[in-house]
C-alpha atoms as a PDB file:
ATOM      1  CA  MET A   1      -1.045 -30.360  -1.920  1.00  0.00           C
ATOM      2  CA  ASN A   2      -4.172 -29.066   0.198  1.00  0.00           C
ATOM      3  CA  PHE A   3      -3.774 -25.525   0.887  1.00  0.00           C
ATOM      4  CA  GLY A   4      -7.231 -25.235   2.306  1.00  0.00           C
ATOM      5  CA  GLY A   5      -5.932 -24.410   5.840  1.00  0.00           C
ATOM      6  CA  PHE A   6      -3.741 -21.490   4.495  1.00  0.00           C
ATOM      7  CA  ASP A   7      -6.558 -20.079   2.731  1.00  0.00           C
ATOM      8  CA  SER A   8      -8.878 -20.530   5.461  1.00  0.00           C
ATOM      9  CA  ASN A   9      -6.457 -18.785   7.801  1.00  0.00           C
ATOM     10  CA  ALA A  10      -6.145 -15.899   5.449  1.00  0.00           C
ATOM     11  CA  GLU A  11      -9.753 -15.210   5.187  1.00  0.00           C
ATOM     12  CA  GLN A  12      -9.719 -15.463   9.062  1.00  0.00           C
ATOM     13  CA  ALA A  13      -6.854 -13.103   9.466  1.00  0.00           C
ATOM     14  CA  ILE A  14      -8.140 -10.455   6.940  1.00  0.00           C
ATOM     15  CA  GLN A  15     -11.649  -9.972   6.091  1.00  0.00           C
ATOM     16  CA  SER A  16     -11.452  -7.735   3.003  1.00  0.00           C
ATOM     17  CA  GLU A  17      -9.915  -8.203  -0.314  1.00  0.00           C
ATOM     18  CA  ILE A  18      -6.727  -6.221  -0.527  1.00  0.00           C
ATOM     19  CA  HIS A  19      -4.482  -5.869  -3.379  1.00  0.00           C
ATOM     20  CA  MET A  20      -1.127  -4.087  -2.984  1.00  0.00           C
ATOM     21  CA  ILE A  21       1.213  -3.068  -6.113  1.00  0.00           C
ATOM     22  CA  SER A  22       4.611  -2.035  -5.040  1.00  0.00           C
ATOM     23  CA  GLY A  23       7.598  -0.967  -7.020  1.00  0.00           C
ATOM     24  CA  CYS A  24      10.124  -3.562  -5.755  1.00  0.00           C
ATOM     25  CA  HIS A  25      10.947  -6.644  -3.508  1.00  0.00           C
ATOM     26  CA  ASP A  26      11.494  -5.955   0.173  1.00  0.00           C
ATOM     27  CA  SER A  27      15.134  -6.530  -0.399  1.00  0.00           C
ATOM     28  CA  GLN A  28      15.708  -3.994  -3.286  1.00  0.00           C
ATOM     29  CA  THR A  29      17.054  -0.430  -3.140  1.00  0.00           C
ATOM     30  CA  SER A  30      18.751   2.163  -1.116  1.00  0.00           C
ATOM     31  CA  ALA A  31      19.505   1.876   2.461  1.00  0.00           C
ATOM     32  CA  ASP A  32      18.811  -1.056   5.027  1.00  0.00           C
ATOM     33  CA  VAL A  33      18.203   0.200   8.431  1.00  0.00           C
ATOM     34  CA  SER A  34      18.847  -2.066  11.626  1.00  0.00           C
ATOM     35  CA  ASN A  35      19.573   1.074  14.144  1.00  0.00           C
ATOM     36  CA  VAL A  36      16.314   3.313  14.208  1.00  0.00           C
ATOM     37  CA  GLY A  37      18.390   5.941  16.200  1.00  0.00           C
ATOM     38  CA  SER A  38      21.280   6.268  13.511  1.00  0.00           C
ATOM     39  CA  PHE A  39      18.975   6.288  10.594  1.00  0.00           C
ATOM     40  CA  SER A  40      18.909   9.032   7.931  1.00  0.00           C
ATOM     41  CA  LEU A  41      17.009   9.228   4.788  1.00  0.00           C
ATOM     42  CA  PRO A  42      18.975   7.732   1.781  1.00  0.00           C
ATOM     43  CA  ASN A  43      20.278   9.691  -1.168  1.00  0.00           C
ATOM     44  CA  PRO A  44      17.594   9.495  -3.515  1.00  0.00           C
ATOM     45  CA  GLN A  45      19.937   9.650  -6.597  1.00  0.00           C
ATOM     46  CA  GLY A  46      17.007  10.703  -8.777  1.00  0.00           C
ATOM     47  CA  ARG A  47      15.450   7.305  -8.348  1.00  0.00           C
ATOM     48  CA  ALA A  48      13.217   7.099  -5.297  1.00  0.00           C
ATOM     49  CA  GLY A  49      10.360   9.377  -6.229  1.00  0.00           C
ATOM     50  CA  GLY A  50       7.859   8.684  -8.690  1.00  0.00           C
ATOM     51  CA  ALA A  51       9.143   5.576 -10.671  1.00  0.00           C
ATOM     52  CA  CYS A  52       6.566   3.196  -9.736  1.00  0.00           C
ATOM     53  CA  THR A  53       3.657   5.725 -10.054  1.00  0.00           C
ATOM     54  CA  ALA A  54       4.820   7.104 -13.288  1.00  0.00           C
ATOM     55  CA  ALA A  55       5.161   3.370 -14.576  1.00  0.00           C
ATOM     56  CA  ILE A  56       1.630   2.209 -13.534  1.00  0.00           C
ATOM     57  CA  LEU A  57      -0.063   5.404 -14.766  1.00  0.00           C
ATOM     58  CA  SER A  58       1.850   5.101 -18.022  1.00  0.00           C
ATOM     59  CA  ALA A  59       0.329   1.588 -18.417  1.00  0.00           C
ATOM     60  CA  LEU A  60      -2.913   2.414 -17.339  1.00  0.00           C
ATOM     61  CA  TYR A  61      -3.527   5.403 -19.628  1.00  0.00           C
ATOM     62  CA  GLY A  62      -2.100   3.231 -22.432  1.00  0.00           C
ATOM     63  CA  TYR A  63      -4.621   0.597 -21.924  1.00  0.00           C
ATOM     64  CA  LYS A  64      -7.209   3.249 -21.595  1.00  0.00           C
ATOM     65  CA  ARG A  65      -6.336   4.796 -24.927  1.00  0.00           C
ATOM     66  CA  ALA A  66      -6.417   1.480 -26.376  1.00  0.00           C
ATOM     67  CA  GLY A  67      -9.903   0.465 -25.144  1.00  0.00           C
ATOM     68  CA  THR A  68      -8.527  -2.620 -23.375  1.00  0.00           C
ATOM     69  CA  LEU A  69      -8.363  -1.251 -19.684  1.00  0.00           C
ATOM     70  CA  GLU A  70     -11.352  -3.477 -18.626  1.00  0.00           C
ATOM     71  CA  THR A  71      -9.719  -6.544 -20.083  1.00  0.00           C
ATOM     72  CA  THR A  72      -6.151  -6.016 -18.951  1.00  0.00           C
ATOM     73  CA  SER A  73      -4.929  -8.759 -16.839  1.00  0.00           C
ATOM     74  CA  TRP A  74      -2.598  -8.143 -13.452  1.00  0.00           C
ATOM     75  CA  VAL A  75       0.147 -10.020 -15.443  1.00  0.00           C
ATOM     76  CA  GLU A  76      -0.100  -7.590 -18.239  1.00  0.00           C
ATOM     77  CA  LEU A  77      -0.274  -4.629 -15.907  1.00  0.00           C
ATOM     78  CA  LEU A  78       2.796  -5.807 -13.912  1.00  0.00           C
ATOM     79  CA  ARG A  79       4.900  -6.555 -16.882  1.00  0.00           C
ATOM     80  CA  ALA A  80       4.085  -3.304 -18.658  1.00  0.00           C
ATOM     81  CA  MET A  81       5.191  -1.637 -15.336  1.00  0.00           C
ATOM     82  CA  ARG A  82       8.420  -3.648 -15.276  1.00  0.00           C
ATOM     83  CA  SER A  83       9.007  -2.581 -19.169  1.00  0.00           C
ATOM     84  CA  ASN A  84       8.269   1.125 -18.342  1.00  0.00           C
ATOM     85  CA  LEU A  85      10.589   1.005 -15.524  1.00  0.00           C
ATOM     86  CA  LEU A  86      13.482  -0.786 -17.410  1.00  0.00           C
ATOM     87  CA  GLU A  87      13.003   1.777 -20.322  1.00  0.00           C
ATOM     88  CA  LYS A  88      13.984   4.516 -17.772  1.00  0.00           C
ATOM     89  CA  GLY A  89      17.139   2.772 -16.507  1.00  0.00           C
ATOM     90  CA  PHE A  90      15.174   1.225 -13.047  1.00  0.00           C
ATOM     91  CA  ASP A  91      15.798  -2.374 -12.079  1.00  0.00           C
ATOM     92  CA  GLN A  92      13.006  -2.677  -9.788  1.00  0.00           C
ATOM     93  CA  VAL A  93      10.567  -5.541 -10.118  1.00  0.00           C
ATOM     94  CA  PRO A  94       6.928  -4.394  -9.488  1.00  0.00           C
ATOM     95  CA  GLN A  95       5.087  -6.949  -7.087  1.00  0.00           C
ATOM     96  CA  LEU A  96       1.544  -7.729  -6.354  1.00  0.00           C
ATOM     97  CA  THR A  97       0.490  -8.922  -2.776  1.00  0.00           C
ATOM     98  CA  SER A  98      -3.100  -9.904  -1.842  1.00  0.00           C
ATOM     99  CA  SER A  99      -5.223 -10.962   0.846  1.00  0.00           C
ATOM    100  CA  ARG A 100      -6.790 -13.842  -1.367  1.00  0.00           C
ATOM    101  CA  MET A 101      -5.503 -15.941  -4.032  1.00  0.00           C
ATOM    102  CA  ILE A 102      -6.158 -14.553  -7.446  1.00  0.00           C
ATOM    103  CA  ASP A 103      -5.839 -15.745 -10.991  1.00  0.00           C
ATOM    104  CA  VAL A 104      -3.447 -13.205 -12.168  1.00  0.00           C
ATOM    105  CA  ASN A 105      -4.328 -14.020 -15.775  1.00  0.00           C
ATOM    106  CA  LYS A 106      -7.655 -12.617 -15.419  1.00  0.00           C
ATOM    107  CA  PRO A 107      -8.313  -8.788 -15.337  1.00  0.00           C
ATOM    108  CA  PHE A 108      -7.011  -6.658 -12.674  1.00  0.00           C
ATOM    109  CA  LYS A 109      -9.879  -5.287 -10.629  1.00  0.00           C
ATOM    110  CA  LEU A 110      -9.585  -1.670  -8.797  1.00  0.00           C
ATOM    111  CA  ILE A 111     -13.341  -1.041  -8.575  1.00  0.00           C
ATOM    112  CA  ASN A 112     -15.669  -3.019  -6.359  1.00  0.00           C
ATOM    113  CA  ASP A 113     -18.042  -5.374  -8.181  1.00  0.00           C
ATOM    114  CA  ASP A 114     -21.338  -3.610  -9.304  1.00  0.00           C
ATOM    115  CA  ASN A 115     -19.837  -0.320  -8.642  1.00  0.00           C
ATOM    116  CA  TYR A 116     -22.413   0.607  -6.008  1.00  0.00           C
ATOM    117  CA  GLY A 117     -20.462   1.627  -2.941  1.00  0.00           C
ATOM    118  CA  THR A 118     -18.648   4.872  -2.044  1.00  0.00           C
ATOM    119  CA  LYS A 119     -15.052   5.135  -3.436  1.00  0.00           C
ATOM    120  CA  ARG A 120     -12.653   6.557  -0.985  1.00  0.00           C
ATOM    121  CA  ALA A 121      -8.906   7.196  -0.906  1.00  0.00           C
ATOM    122  CA  VAL A 122      -6.020   8.148   1.279  1.00  0.00           C
ATOM    123  CA  MET A 123      -2.888   9.409  -0.723  1.00  0.00           C
ATOM    124  CA  ILE A 124       0.131  10.407   0.867  1.00  0.00           C
ATOM    125  CA  GLY A 125       3.225  12.235  -0.753  1.00  0.00           C
ATOM    126  CA  ILE A 126       6.129  13.090   1.290  1.00  0.00           C
ATOM    127  CA  ASN A 127       9.207  15.128  -0.401  1.00  0.00           C
ATOM    128  CA  TYR A 128      10.864  15.493   2.841  1.00  0.00           C
ATOM    129  CA  VAL A 129      11.072  19.186   2.247  1.00  0.00           C
ATOM    130  CA  GLY A 130      14.310  20.641   3.657  1.00  0.00           C
ATOM    131  CA  GLN A 131      15.731  17.531   4.993  1.00  0.00           C
ATOM    132  CA  SER A 132      18.822  15.605   3.710  1.00  0.00           C
ATOM    133  CA  GLY A 133      17.521  12.976   1.253  1.00  0.00           C
ATOM    134  CA  GLN A 134      14.875  15.308  -0.136  1.00  0.00           C
ATOM    135  CA  LEU A 135      12.515  13.839  -2.911  1.00  0.00           C
ATOM    136  CA  SER A 136      11.084  15.853  -5.814  1.00  0.00           C
ATOM    137  CA  GLY A 137       8.390  13.840  -7.255  1.00  0.00           C
ATOM    138  CA  CYS A 138       6.264  12.567  -4.599  1.00  0.00           C
ATOM    139  CA  HIS A 139       3.664  15.520  -4.503  1.00  0.00           C
ATOM    140  CA  ASN A 140       3.315  14.997  -8.236  1.00  0.00           C
ATOM    141  CA  ASP A 141       2.875  11.331  -7.705  1.00  0.00           C
ATOM    142  CA  VAL A 142      -0.240  12.068  -5.568  1.00  0.00           C
ATOM    143  CA  LYS A 143      -1.520  14.781  -7.849  1.00  0.00           C
ATOM    144  CA  ASN A 144      -1.534  12.660 -10.861  1.00  0.00           C
ATOM    145  CA  MET A 145      -2.907   9.415  -9.179  1.00  0.00           C
ATOM    146  CA  LYS A 146      -5.799  11.505  -7.899  1.00  0.00           C
ATOM    147  CA  GLU A 147      -6.464  13.058 -11.311  1.00  0.00           C
ATOM    148  CA  TYR A 148      -6.634   9.375 -12.687  1.00  0.00           C
ATOM    149  CA  LEU A 149      -8.924   8.179  -9.890  1.00  0.00           C
ATOM    150  CA  MET A 150     -11.272  11.009 -10.350  1.00  0.00           C
ATOM    151  CA  ASN A 151     -11.310  11.313 -14.165  1.00  0.00           C
ATOM    152  CA  VAL A 152     -11.206   7.629 -15.096  1.00  0.00           C
ATOM    153  CA  HIS A 153     -13.046   5.900 -12.288  1.00  0.00           C
ATOM    154  CA  GLY A 154     -15.060   8.470 -10.799  1.00  0.00           C
ATOM    155  CA  PHE A 155     -13.747   9.165  -7.242  1.00  0.00           C
ATOM    156  CA  GLU A 156     -15.076  12.424  -5.768  1.00  0.00           C
ATOM    157  CA  ASP A 157     -13.023  14.935  -4.444  1.00  0.00           C
ATOM    158  CA  ARG A 158     -14.763  14.997  -0.973  1.00  0.00           C
ATOM    159  CA  ASN A 159     -13.900  11.546  -0.351  1.00  0.00           C
ATOM    160  CA  ILE A 160     -10.108  11.735  -0.999  1.00  0.00           C
ATOM    161  CA  THR A 161      -7.794  12.501   1.831  1.00  0.00           C
ATOM    162  CA  VAL A 162      -4.529  14.018   0.781  1.00  0.00           C
ATOM    163  CA  LEU A 163      -1.410  14.286   3.054  1.00  0.00           C
ATOM    164  CA  MET A 164       1.600  16.062   1.554  1.00  0.00           C
ATOM    165  CA  ASP A 165       4.374  18.294   3.085  1.00  0.00           C
ATOM    166  CA  ASP A 166       3.689  21.203   1.094  1.00  0.00           C
ATOM    167  CA  GLY A 167       2.252  23.647   3.668  1.00  0.00           C
ATOM    168  CA  TYR A 168      -1.250  23.321   2.241  1.00  0.00           C
ATOM    169  CA  HIS A 169      -2.537  19.745   2.896  1.00  0.00           C
ATOM    170  CA  ARG A 170      -2.424  17.897   6.152  1.00  0.00           C
ATOM    171  CA  ASN A 171       1.195  17.314   7.173  1.00  0.00           C
ATOM    172  CA  PRO A 172       2.144  13.421   6.622  1.00  0.00           C
ATOM    173  CA  THR A 173       3.501  12.965  10.166  1.00  0.00           C
ATOM    174  CA  ARG A 174       3.396   9.478  11.861  1.00  0.00           C
ATOM    175  CA  SER A 175       0.244  10.514  13.821  1.00  0.00           C
ATOM    176  CA  ASN A 176      -1.527  11.992  11.093  1.00  0.00           C
ATOM    177  CA  ILE A 177      -0.788   8.945   8.765  1.00  0.00           C
ATOM    178  CA  THR A 178      -2.052   6.492  11.442  1.00  0.00           C
ATOM    179  CA  GLN A 179      -5.267   8.631  12.016  1.00  0.00           C
ATOM    180  CA  ALA A 180      -6.032   8.726   8.282  1.00  0.00           C
ATOM    181  CA  TYR A 181      -5.701   5.006   7.821  1.00  0.00           C
ATOM    182  CA  ARG A 182      -7.814   4.507  10.935  1.00  0.00           C
ATOM    183  CA  GLU A 183     -10.605   7.034   9.805  1.00  0.00           C
ATOM    184  CA  LEU A 184     -10.577   5.383   6.512  1.00  0.00           C
ATOM    185  CA  VAL A 185     -11.273   1.862   7.937  1.00  0.00           C
ATOM    186  CA  VAL A 186     -14.169   3.341  10.081  1.00  0.00           C
ATOM    187  CA  SER A 187     -15.785   4.899   7.253  1.00  0.00           C
ATOM    188  CA  SER A 188     -15.548   2.182   4.822  1.00  0.00           C
ATOM    189  CA  ARG A 189     -18.432  -0.255   4.436  1.00  0.00           C
ATOM    190  CA  SER A 190     -19.228  -3.605   2.480  1.00  0.00           C
ATOM    191  CA  GLY A 191     -19.263  -2.781  -1.373  1.00  0.00           C
ATOM    192  CA  ASP A 192     -17.054   0.216  -0.852  1.00  0.00           C
ATOM    193  CA  THR A 193     -13.719   0.838  -2.919  1.00  0.00           C
ATOM    194  CA  VAL A 194     -10.814   2.016  -1.107  1.00  0.00           C
ATOM    195  CA  PHE A 195      -7.420   3.212  -2.590  1.00  0.00           C
ATOM    196  CA  ALA A 196      -4.475   3.905  -0.629  1.00  0.00           C
ATOM    197  CA  HIS A 197      -1.293   5.603  -1.871  1.00  0.00           C
ATOM    198  CA  TYR A 198       2.311   6.239  -0.507  1.00  0.00           C
ATOM    199  CA  SER A 199       4.717   7.727  -2.168  1.00  0.00           C
ATOM    200  CA  GLY A 200       8.149   8.708  -0.236  1.00  0.00           C
ATOM    201  CA  HIS A 201      10.939   6.806   1.527  1.00  0.00           C
ATOM    202  CA  GLY A 202      10.608   3.334   2.890  1.00  0.00           C
ATOM    203  CA  GLY A 203      13.003   1.404   5.067  1.00  0.00           C
ATOM    204  CA  ARG A 204      13.589  -1.755   7.060  1.00  0.00           C
ATOM    205  CA  VAL A 205      14.094  -2.157  10.836  1.00  0.00           C
ATOM    206  CA  GLU A 206      14.789  -5.213  13.041  1.00  0.00           C
ATOM    207  CA  ASP A 207      11.827  -7.407  13.396  1.00  0.00           C
ATOM    208  CA  THR A 208      11.029  -7.682  17.176  1.00  0.00           C
ATOM    209  CA  SER A 209       7.968  -9.901  17.120  1.00  0.00           C
ATOM    210  CA  GLY A 210       9.498 -12.696  15.291  1.00  0.00           C
ATOM    211  CA  ASP A 211       7.117 -12.826  12.325  1.00  0.00           C
ATOM    212  CA  GLU A 212       9.555 -11.789   9.580  1.00  0.00           C
ATOM    213  CA  GLU A 213      11.477 -14.726   7.764  1.00  0.00           C
ATOM    214  CA  ASP A 214      14.195 -12.161   6.772  1.00  0.00           C
ATOM    215  CA  GLY A 215      14.564 -10.561  10.326  1.00  0.00           C
ATOM    216  CA  TYR A 216      13.246  -7.442   9.258  1.00  0.00           C
ATOM    217  CA  ASP A 217      10.171  -5.275   9.261  1.00  0.00           C
ATOM    218  CA  GLU A 218       9.509  -3.145   6.289  1.00  0.00           C
ATOM    219  CA  THR A 219       8.504   0.559   7.051  1.00  0.00           C
ATOM    220  CA  LEU A 220       6.877   3.716   5.854  1.00  0.00           C
ATOM    221  CA  ILE A 221       8.921   6.948   6.759  1.00  0.00           C
ATOM    222  CA  PRO A 222       6.619   9.928   7.855  1.00  0.00           C
ATOM    223  CA  VAL A 223       7.821  13.360   7.628  1.00  0.00           C
ATOM    224  CA  ASP A 224       8.751  13.532  11.428  1.00  0.00           C
ATOM    225  CA  PHE A 225      10.559  10.049  11.504  1.00  0.00           C
ATOM    226  CA  GLN A 226      13.396  11.735  13.429  1.00  0.00           C
ATOM    227  CA  SER A 227      11.367  12.397  16.320  1.00  0.00           C
ATOM    228  CA  ALA A 228       8.467   9.928  16.072  1.00  0.00           C
ATOM    229  CA  GLY A 229       9.923   7.099  14.196  1.00  0.00           C
ATOM    230  CA  GLN A 230       8.808   5.006  11.354  1.00  0.00           C
ATOM    231  CA  ILE A 231       5.612   3.106  10.698  1.00  0.00           C
ATOM    232  CA  THR A 232       6.147  -0.661  10.552  1.00  0.00           C
ATOM    233  CA  ASP A 233       4.476  -3.289   8.509  1.00  0.00           C
ATOM    234  CA  ASP A 234       3.041  -4.600  11.803  1.00  0.00           C
ATOM    235  CA  GLU A 235       1.505  -1.353  12.601  1.00  0.00           C
ATOM    236  CA  LEU A 236      -0.086  -1.129   9.122  1.00  0.00           C
ATOM    237  CA  PHE A 237      -1.505  -4.537   9.348  1.00  0.00           C
ATOM    238  CA  THR A 238      -2.997  -3.700  12.631  1.00  0.00           C
ATOM    239  CA  ASN A 239      -4.563  -0.182  11.696  1.00  0.00           C
ATOM    240  CA  LEU A 240      -5.407  -0.593   7.908  1.00  0.00           C
ATOM    241  CA  VAL A 241      -5.372  -4.411   6.957  1.00  0.00           C
ATOM    242  CA  LYS A 242      -7.060  -6.449   9.344  1.00  0.00           C
ATOM    243  CA  PRO A 243      -9.796  -4.045  10.515  1.00  0.00           C
ATOM    244  CA  MET A 244     -11.000  -3.211   6.977  1.00  0.00           C
ATOM    245  CA  ALA A 245     -14.444  -4.378   6.697  1.00  0.00           C
ATOM    246  CA  LYS A 246     -15.512  -7.495   4.804  1.00  0.00           C
ATOM    247  CA  GLY A 247     -16.828  -6.666   1.144  1.00  0.00           C
ATOM    248  CA  VAL A 248     -14.545  -3.678   0.827  1.00  0.00           C
ATOM    249  CA  LEU A 249     -12.084  -3.805  -2.072  1.00  0.00           C
ATOM    250  CA  MET A 250      -8.851  -2.090  -1.354  1.00  0.00           C
ATOM    251  CA  THR A 251      -5.985  -1.394  -3.846  1.00  0.00           C
ATOM    252  CA  SER A 252      -2.890  -0.015  -2.297  1.00  0.00           C
ATOM    253  CA  LEU A 253      -0.189   1.530  -4.543  1.00  0.00           C
ATOM    254  CA  MET A 254       3.320   1.703  -2.449  1.00  0.00           C
ATOM    255  CA  ASP A 255       5.969   3.924  -4.140  1.00  0.00           C
ATOM    256  CA  CYS A 256       8.939   3.289  -1.748  1.00  0.00           C
ATOM    257  CA  CYS A 257      11.789   1.284  -1.127  1.00  0.00           C
ATOM    258  CA  HIS A 258      11.614  -2.278   0.809  1.00  0.00           C
ATOM    259  CA  SER A 259       7.932  -2.115   0.098  1.00  0.00           C
ATOM    260  CA  GLY A 260       7.315  -5.668  -1.396  1.00  0.00           C
ATOM    261  CA  THR A 261       5.451  -6.958   1.613  1.00  0.00           C
ATOM    262  CA  VAL A 262       4.855  -3.624   3.717  1.00  0.00           C
ATOM    263  CA  LEU A 263       1.030  -4.777   4.147  1.00  0.00           C
ATOM    264  CA  ASP A 264       1.844  -8.177   5.333  1.00  0.00           C
ATOM    265  CA  LEU A 265      -0.196 -10.147   2.959  1.00  0.00           C
ATOM    266  CA  PRO A 266      -0.300 -13.873   2.592  1.00  0.00           C
ATOM    267  CA  TYR A 267      -0.166 -13.915  -1.279  1.00  0.00           C
ATOM    268  CA  ARG A 268       2.521 -12.877  -3.767  1.00  0.00           C
ATOM    269  CA  PHE A 269       3.129 -12.423  -7.613  1.00  0.00           C
ATOM    270  CA  THR A 270       6.122 -10.755  -9.095  1.00  0.00           C
ATOM    271  CA  ALA A 271       6.428  -9.275 -12.554  1.00  0.00           C
ATOM    272  CA  ASP A 272       9.188 -11.748 -13.331  1.00  0.00           C
ATOM    273  CA  GLY A 273       6.921 -14.541 -12.185  1.00  0.00           C
ATOM    274  CA  ASP A 274       4.232 -16.678 -13.846  1.00  0.00           C
ATOM    275  CA  VAL A 275       1.802 -17.297 -10.927  1.00  0.00           C
ATOM    276  CA  MET A 276       0.637 -15.927  -7.506  1.00  0.00           C
ATOM    277  CA  GLU A 277       2.136 -18.048  -4.721  1.00  0.00           C
ATOM    278  CA  ARG A 278       1.279 -18.466  -1.059  1.00  0.00           C
ATOM    279  CA  VAL A 279       3.978 -16.887   1.007  1.00  0.00           C
ATOM    280  CA  PRO A 280       6.141 -19.466   2.551  1.00  0.00           C
ATOM    281  CA  GLY A 281       5.988 -19.627   6.271  1.00  0.00           C
ATOM    282  CA  PHE A 282       3.571 -16.852   6.459  1.00  0.00           C
ATOM    283  CA  ASP A 283       2.907 -16.152  10.342  1.00  0.00           C
ATOM    284  CA  PHE A 284      -0.597 -16.668  10.612  1.00  0.00           C
ATOM    285  CA  ASP A 285      -0.451 -17.280  14.607  1.00  0.00           C
ATOM    286  CA  ASN A 286       1.093 -13.838  15.095  1.00  0.00           C
ATOM    287  CA  LEU A 287      -1.470 -11.974  12.861  1.00  0.00           C
ATOM    288  CA  LEU A 288      -4.477 -13.577  14.139  1.00  0.00           C
ATOM    289  CA  GLY A 289      -3.410 -12.443  17.567  1.00  0.00           C
ATOM    290  CA  VAL A 290      -2.665  -9.022  16.238  1.00  0.00           C
ATOM    291  CA  ALA A 291      -6.137  -9.296  14.548  1.00  0.00           C
ATOM    292  CA  VAL A 292      -8.176  -9.467  17.956  1.00  0.00           C
ATOM    293  CA  VAL A 293      -6.408  -6.310  19.392  1.00  0.00           C
ATOM    294  CA  ALA A 294      -7.121  -4.657  16.136  1.00  0.00           C
ATOM    295  CA  CYS A 295     -10.608  -5.474  16.014  1.00  0.00           C
ATOM    296  CA  CYS A 296     -11.112  -4.210  19.515  1.00  0.00           C
ATOM    297  CA  CYS A 297      -9.436  -0.966  19.016  1.00  0.00           C
ATOM    298  CA  MET A 298     -11.058  -0.244  15.850  1.00  0.00           C
ATOM    299  CA  GLU A 299     -14.440  -0.940  17.467  1.00  0.00           C
ATOM    300  CA  VAL A 300     -13.832   1.586  20.448  1.00  0.00           C
ATOM    301  CA  LEU A 301     -12.633   4.257  17.629  1.00  0.00           C
ATOM    302  CA  GLY A 302     -15.749   3.686  15.505  1.00  0.00           C
ATOM    303  CA  CYS A 303     -17.780   4.037  18.613  1.00  0.00           C
ATOM    304  CA  LEU A 304     -16.112   7.430  19.604  1.00  0.00           C
ATOM    305  CA  MET A 305     -16.265   8.878  16.334  1.00  0.00           C
ATOM    306  CA  GLN A 306     -20.125   8.090  15.851  1.00  0.00           C
ATOM    307  CA  MET A 307     -20.545   9.878  19.401  1.00  0.00           C
ATOM    308  CA  LEU A 308     -18.477  12.761  18.146  1.00  0.00           C
ATOM    309  CA  ALA A 309     -20.530  12.873  15.072  1.00  0.00           C
ATOM    310  CA  ASP A 310     -23.905  12.533  17.184  1.00  0.00           C
END
């Protein structure tokens, strides 16, 4: 079968190379949400915060100690995550989605080729302090992953933006999360390495644009979701995925429920599979329409930020 059209559409819709690791499939976990107005945070039951982040860090540090970090494949990494999760009693199946078809039997790549660009990160940890459904591990997720990025991969603190509801960092409201992603896009250039980490609650809402085969948009749930609403996968695509510059390598770690396709990427591999696949029925027409709007908006934002800087 000729997949040239699919792959060409993927390159047209998404300029950069993006890899997203999530802790579970879209359908896995706590609370399916169809009515935003009646939504409340699910009971974490000791499971919702930190399982995915802890699993990947355990695997990565293990490979580093063994001296095999540079040669470990995507398959080995995701299956090590699955094993770590199973050992702790979690049944989530880690998943990799991507903007490009990749050979998952080749070494996973977190740093851009030649390692010459700037390394940037946006890291979000939401414990929902004082709210029903409060989590306990998401701040630690961010701190532990930040330490790994700085100590192992040379990220600098000045290029890492942290949002946490701890009274010290920028509060992870809907507006602040969206702004952080937009700023990350505007500042990133070809050759740069980007890491986007989210640890908190995730959900699903009814799809209104018609681009979701299962009828749901996956969401991130900001700390002020009760007043500001949730952040849908369509918004993440518009503000973070599509406008990211060509030549940027972005890795995203989504440690939340319903996160399997929350960046709307066209290729998928799961830890219980063998090969990466093209997502059946992927709606390029809708995303390419979104792409035009995204590019225009980000161009205007970039100009405004440059004017303010000058």
